[in-house]
Amino acid sequence: MKTQTPSLETSKNYNIFGYHPSQQPLSTSHVSRLADSIKKNGFLPSKPVQVFSKNGKYTIIDGHHRFEAAKILGIEFFFVEEPVGNADLIG
């Protein structure tokens, strides 16, 4: 099966993003370190938040610490919407 390539997008609308229930709990110290790094270097497009879309909302499947750091800083962040066909490949 050939994978589909997602496109890189940006957002500052934090309310349309939610966490996947199977994700590990947020580490406040990790979020703090990421926020410091993002302040210094910017949000790296090479490390976007990965999401799936359903009913106009996005579920974060990877990058919830980066998302939370961007939210705390009030900045736009990069994300990619993974095609549903890629769901079984992410783990």
Protein backbone atom coordinates (compact mmCIF):
# COMPACT_ATOMS: atom_id res chain seq x y z
CA MET A 1 0.00 0.00 0.00
CA LYS A 2 1.38 3.40 -0.98
CA THR A 3 1.24 6.12 1.70
CA GLN A 4 -0.39 9.47 1.05
CA THR A 5 1.61 12.66 1.59
CA PRO A 6 0.03 15.18 3.96
CA SER A 7 0.48 18.92 3.42
CA LEU A 8 2.04 21.26 5.97
CA GLU A 9 -0.40 23.79 7.44
CA THR A 10 -0.36 26.40 10.22
CA SER A 11 -2.93 27.39 12.81
CA LYS A 12 -3.41 29.51 15.88
CA ASN A 13 -6.98 28.29 16.44
CA TYR A 14 -6.22 26.02 19.39
CA ASN A 15 -9.90 25.29 20.08
CA ILE A 16 -10.28 23.02 17.06
CA PHE A 17 -7.55 20.66 18.31
CA GLY A 18 -7.92 17.98 20.95
CA TYR A 19 -5.80 15.23 22.41
CA HIS A 20 -6.10 11.57 21.52
CA PRO A 21 -7.22 9.56 24.56
CA SER A 22 -4.31 7.12 24.29
CA GLN A 23 -1.61 9.80 24.54
CA GLN A 24 0.66 9.99 27.54
CA PRO A 25 -0.13 12.69 30.11
CA LEU A 26 1.43 16.09 29.49
CA SER A 27 4.73 16.73 31.26
CA THR A 28 4.79 20.36 32.36
CA SER A 29 8.59 20.37 32.54
CA HIS A 30 8.83 19.06 28.96
CA VAL A 31 6.31 21.66 27.75
CA SER A 32 8.33 24.37 29.51
CA ARG A 33 11.60 23.25 27.88
CA LEU A 34 9.90 23.14 24.46
CA ALA A 35 8.41 26.62 24.98
CA ASP A 36 11.89 27.98 25.78
CA SER A 37 13.31 26.31 22.66
CA ILE A 38 10.46 27.57 20.47
CA LYS A 39 10.94 31.13 21.82
CA LYS A 40 14.60 30.93 20.86
CA ASN A 41 14.39 29.00 17.56
CA GLY A 42 10.78 29.23 16.38
CA PHE A 43 8.40 26.35 15.78
CA LEU A 44 10.26 24.02 13.45
CA PRO A 45 8.32 23.07 10.32
CA SER A 46 10.32 19.83 10.23
CA LYS A 47 8.56 18.79 13.48
CA PRO A 48 4.86 19.51 12.85
CA VAL A 49 2.03 18.31 15.06
CA GLN A 50 0.35 15.29 13.41
CA VAL A 51 -3.45 15.20 13.42
CA PHE A 52 -6.46 13.36 12.06
CA SER A 53 -9.59 15.28 11.13
CA LYS A 54 -13.18 14.41 12.04
CA ASN A 55 -16.26 16.63 11.94
CA GLY A 56 -14.25 19.86 11.63
CA LYS A 57 -12.06 19.06 14.65
CA TYR A 58 -8.50 17.76 14.74
CA THR A 59 -7.25 15.02 17.03
CA ILE A 60 -3.56 15.26 17.85
CA ILE A 61 -1.82 11.93 17.38
CA ASP A 62 1.76 13.16 17.77
CA GLY A 63 3.17 16.43 19.10
CA HIS A 64 0.84 17.29 21.95
CA HIS A 65 3.73 18.74 24.00
CA ARG A 66 4.74 20.96 21.05
CA PHE A 67 1.10 21.98 20.60
CA GLU A 68 0.79 22.91 24.28
CA ALA A 69 4.04 24.93 24.16
CA ALA A 70 2.80 26.87 21.11
CA LYS A 71 -0.54 27.45 22.84
CA ILE A 72 1.19 28.83 25.96
CA LEU A 73 3.27 31.15 23.76
CA GLY A 74 0.21 32.19 21.74
CA ILE A 75 1.91 31.49 18.41
CA GLU A 76 1.02 29.75 15.18
CA PHE A 77 2.25 26.19 14.93
CA PHE A 78 2.81 23.79 12.06
CA PHE A 79 0.63 20.72 11.68
CA VAL A 80 -0.07 18.02 9.12
CA GLU A 81 -3.39 16.32 8.66
CA GLU A 82 -2.64 12.68 8.17
CA PRO A 83 -4.86 10.91 5.64
CA VAL A 84 -7.02 8.24 7.23
CA GLY A 85 -5.19 5.70 5.07
CA ASN A 86 -2.02 6.37 7.08
CA ALA A 87 -3.66 5.60 10.45
CA ASP A 88 -2.30 2.08 10.75
CA LEU A 89 1.25 3.25 9.94
CA ILE A 90 1.54 5.62 12.88
CA GLY A 91 2.48 4.16 16.19
